[in-house]
Amino acid sequence: RKEEELDSKDAIILHQFSRPRNGVPSLSPFCLKMETYLRMADLPYQNYFDGKLSPQGKMPWIEYNHKKVSGTEFIIDFLEEKLGVNLNKHLGPHERAVSRAVTKMVEEHLYWTLTYCQWVENLHETQKMVSLFGPFSDLLKWIFCHLTKGIVKREMYGHGIGRFSEEEMYTLMEKDMRTLAGLLGDKKYIMGSTVSTVDATVFGHLAQAMWTLPGTRPERLIKGELINLAMYCERIRRKFWPEWHHDDDNTLYESEESSEASKTYSPLQDFSFYSRTETFDEEGNSISQTPDTDYTGHSLFDSDVDMDEYRDHEQCK
């Protein structure tokens, strides 16, 4: 493994797991949350897929001006302080309180039931999505996935939710998803017509049910009875991830803001410098804009180790 010295001067370096094989940006809801937040906040960043955990043993984590920050909540607080971004400035005190309560329900409760489905019940399908290459990649993926399964079961037992039966865990999962569906209603985003930080959190987790858990109860629920959650996920995917194309794309979850322009995709990149180069209005018409610049002066790329573990109207490159 070749080590590289990163220069994070005035650049956000986002460390996360490698892209999975099914076209979804990440199998980790927290990595997807963090990268989606950066796009929502219109902050240029550099992906680095070295699989290296933060000093606290966390993933994802960032480097900015040689400072390392881990934990998505602390990363967002750090970026708000250093760069002055704030996706919640339009929210009042009550809405901020609701937003935090929803975030904790999703990250401390729903997360575990979806993780159980992904790494225990649906492990065979998850193993197909893991990105590892080389002559022993199949064996390494089997080892990695079964080690992860053991870790997940142990951590769930320590958390307490893993002490319930599978049916009881899925009952809790359904209650959380129905709560989200009821809270969203017919609104565009969780807290109203404008995107906020909680949307990055909710999307990062629901996207796993939408696109990484084929044939499971979470997928059937979100694409069936709770169709407003599926439309919500599609809305965010098309708006902030225009290059993310999925084989099952169709018009089932179309909303009034979808257009032919929003259906033009380019391949999801494993490594690149992300910055917005143009925006689109709600009808999909292009609005010229000066490109952001690469503060590092050069491109970073993922290492040869693939896996060790705002506004409302803007579009992204």
Foldseek 3Di string as FASTA:
>chain_A
DDDDDDQQEQAKEKEAFFFWDQLDRDLFLLSQLQVLVCLAQQHWHWYAHAQDADPVRAPIWIAHNNDIDDDSVRVVVVCCVPPVTFQCPVPDPVLVVVLVVLLCCCPLQLQLLLVCLDLPVQLVLNLNGHDDDDPCRSVVSVVVSVVVSVVSLVVCVVSPLSVDDNVVSVVSNVVSLVVQLVQCPVALANSHVKDHSSRSSLLSSLVCLCRVRPPDPSVCCCVPVSVVNVLNNVSSCLAEPLQRDGPPDDCPSDDPQDDPLSNDHHRDDRTDTWGAQWFAFSNRDIDGDHTDDDPVPDGDHYDNGRHPHYIRRGGTD
